[in-house]
Amino acid sequence: MIAHISLYKLKPEITIDRLEEMMSLTRVHLLRIPEVLAVRTGKRTEANEPWQWYVGIEVESKDKLVIAQDDPHYLKYREEILRPAVAEQCVQSFEMDPRKDVKYS
């Protein structure tokens, strides 16, 4: 199982109301992708934290992650939700199954 985590710094013009809408739209768009098992999204809890928003998705394997990122719903999400709002991002993927060699993920 792969957890794919994206941390975002937003453009200055993004309001809290817009962020709330983006969080909702993230779930709507990404849960339409068959390979995506779960979607988590949240906003920072402290104003001095550098990353304002995060999105986490879970998929079965690295191959399924690639398939999910090529899905038309993901491409639309990236162009319509992320591109207009994100100034900077940090993306990481993690193997969640204990004792599983990551090269077989």
Protein backbone atom coordinates (compact mmCIF):
# COMPACT_ATOMS: atom_id res chain seq x y z
CA MET A 1 0.00 0.00 0.00
CA ILE A 2 1.37 3.40 -1.01
CA ALA A 3 0.59 6.70 0.70
CA HIS A 4 1.24 9.58 -1.68
CA ILE A 5 1.47 12.86 0.25
CA SER A 6 1.53 16.33 -1.31
CA LEU A 7 2.20 19.46 0.75
CA TYR A 8 1.30 22.82 -0.75
CA LYS A 9 2.10 26.48 -0.30
CA LEU A 10 -0.74 28.48 -1.78
CA LYS A 11 -0.69 31.68 -3.79
CA PRO A 12 -1.41 34.78 -1.69
CA GLU A 13 -4.80 35.40 -3.31
CA ILE A 14 -6.23 32.06 -2.08
CA THR A 15 -8.71 32.77 0.71
CA ILE A 16 -9.74 30.37 3.47
CA ASP A 17 -13.12 29.97 1.74
CA ARG A 18 -11.39 29.01 -1.51
CA LEU A 19 -9.17 26.56 0.38
CA GLU A 20 -12.25 24.92 1.92
CA GLU A 21 -13.79 24.61 -1.53
CA MET A 22 -10.55 23.12 -2.90
CA MET A 23 -10.53 20.53 -0.11
CA SER A 24 -14.05 19.46 -1.04
CA LEU A 25 -13.31 19.41 -4.77
CA THR A 26 -10.19 17.33 -4.12
CA ARG A 27 -12.29 14.56 -2.65
CA VAL A 28 -14.84 14.80 -5.46
CA HIS A 29 -12.24 14.59 -8.24
CA LEU A 30 -9.82 12.06 -6.79
CA LEU A 31 -12.37 9.58 -5.46
CA ARG A 32 -13.65 9.15 -9.03
CA ILE A 33 -10.37 7.43 -9.91
CA PRO A 34 -10.76 3.65 -9.52
CA GLU A 35 -7.15 3.12 -8.36
CA VAL A 36 -7.49 5.63 -5.49
CA LEU A 37 -8.55 3.82 -2.32
CA ALA A 38 -8.65 6.80 0.05
CA VAL A 39 -8.23 10.57 -0.03
CA ARG A 40 -7.25 12.74 2.91
CA THR A 41 -6.90 16.48 2.82
CA GLY A 42 -6.34 19.11 5.47
CA LYS A 43 -5.22 22.63 6.23
CA ARG A 44 -2.47 23.72 8.58
CA THR A 45 -3.25 24.20 12.25
CA GLU A 46 -0.61 26.82 13.02
CA ALA A 47 -0.13 30.04 11.03
CA ASN A 48 3.67 29.79 11.16
CA GLU A 49 3.80 26.34 9.53
CA PRO A 50 5.21 26.64 5.98
CA TRP A 51 2.83 24.26 4.18
CA GLN A 52 -0.76 25.51 4.18
CA TRP A 53 -2.50 22.47 2.75
CA TYR A 54 -1.96 18.77 2.23
CA VAL A 55 -3.50 16.05 0.10
CA GLY A 56 -2.87 12.38 0.74
CA ILE A 57 -4.03 9.51 -1.42
CA GLU A 58 -3.69 5.78 -0.91
CA VAL A 59 -3.21 3.29 -3.73
CA GLU A 60 -2.26 -0.39 -3.84
CA SER A 61 1.14 0.03 -5.54
CA LYS A 62 3.49 2.41 -7.32
CA ASP A 63 2.09 1.12 -10.61
CA LYS A 64 -1.44 2.02 -9.51
CA LEU A 65 -0.18 5.50 -8.54
CA VAL A 66 1.13 6.05 -12.07
CA ILE A 67 -2.19 4.87 -13.51
CA ALA A 68 -4.10 7.18 -11.14
CA GLN A 69 -1.95 10.17 -12.12
CA ASP A 70 -2.67 9.49 -15.81
CA ASP A 71 -6.42 9.31 -15.23
CA PRO A 72 -8.47 12.13 -16.87
CA HIS A 73 -10.03 13.01 -13.48
CA TYR A 74 -6.56 13.55 -11.99
CA LEU A 75 -5.39 15.60 -14.98
CA LYS A 76 -8.49 17.79 -14.75
CA TYR A 77 -7.98 18.18 -10.99
CA ARG A 78 -4.35 19.20 -11.50
CA GLU A 79 -5.22 21.79 -14.15
CA GLU A 80 -8.39 23.25 -12.62
CA ILE A 81 -7.71 23.05 -8.87
CA LEU A 82 -3.96 22.85 -8.27
CA ARG A 83 -2.37 24.93 -11.02
CA PRO A 84 -4.31 28.16 -10.31
CA ALA A 85 -3.80 27.95 -6.53
CA VAL A 86 -0.42 26.39 -5.75
CA ALA A 87 2.80 28.38 -5.47
CA GLU A 88 5.04 25.53 -4.27
CA GLN A 89 4.71 21.84 -3.50
CA CYS A 90 6.53 18.96 -1.83
CA VAL A 91 5.53 15.44 -2.90
CA GLN A 92 6.53 12.19 -1.18
CA SER A 93 5.38 8.57 -1.40
CA PHE A 94 5.61 6.02 1.40
CA GLU A 95 5.19 2.24 1.63
CA MET A 96 2.69 1.56 4.42
CA ASP A 97 2.98 -2.23 4.74
CA PRO A 98 5.46 -3.27 7.45
CA ARG A 99 8.31 -5.52 6.36
CA LYS A 100 7.47 -5.12 2.67
CA ASP A 101 10.46 -4.37 0.48
CA VAL A 102 9.76 -1.03 -1.25
CA LYS A 103 11.13 -2.31 -4.55
CA TYR A 104 8.08 -4.60 -4.74
CA SER A 105 5.59 -1.83 -4.02
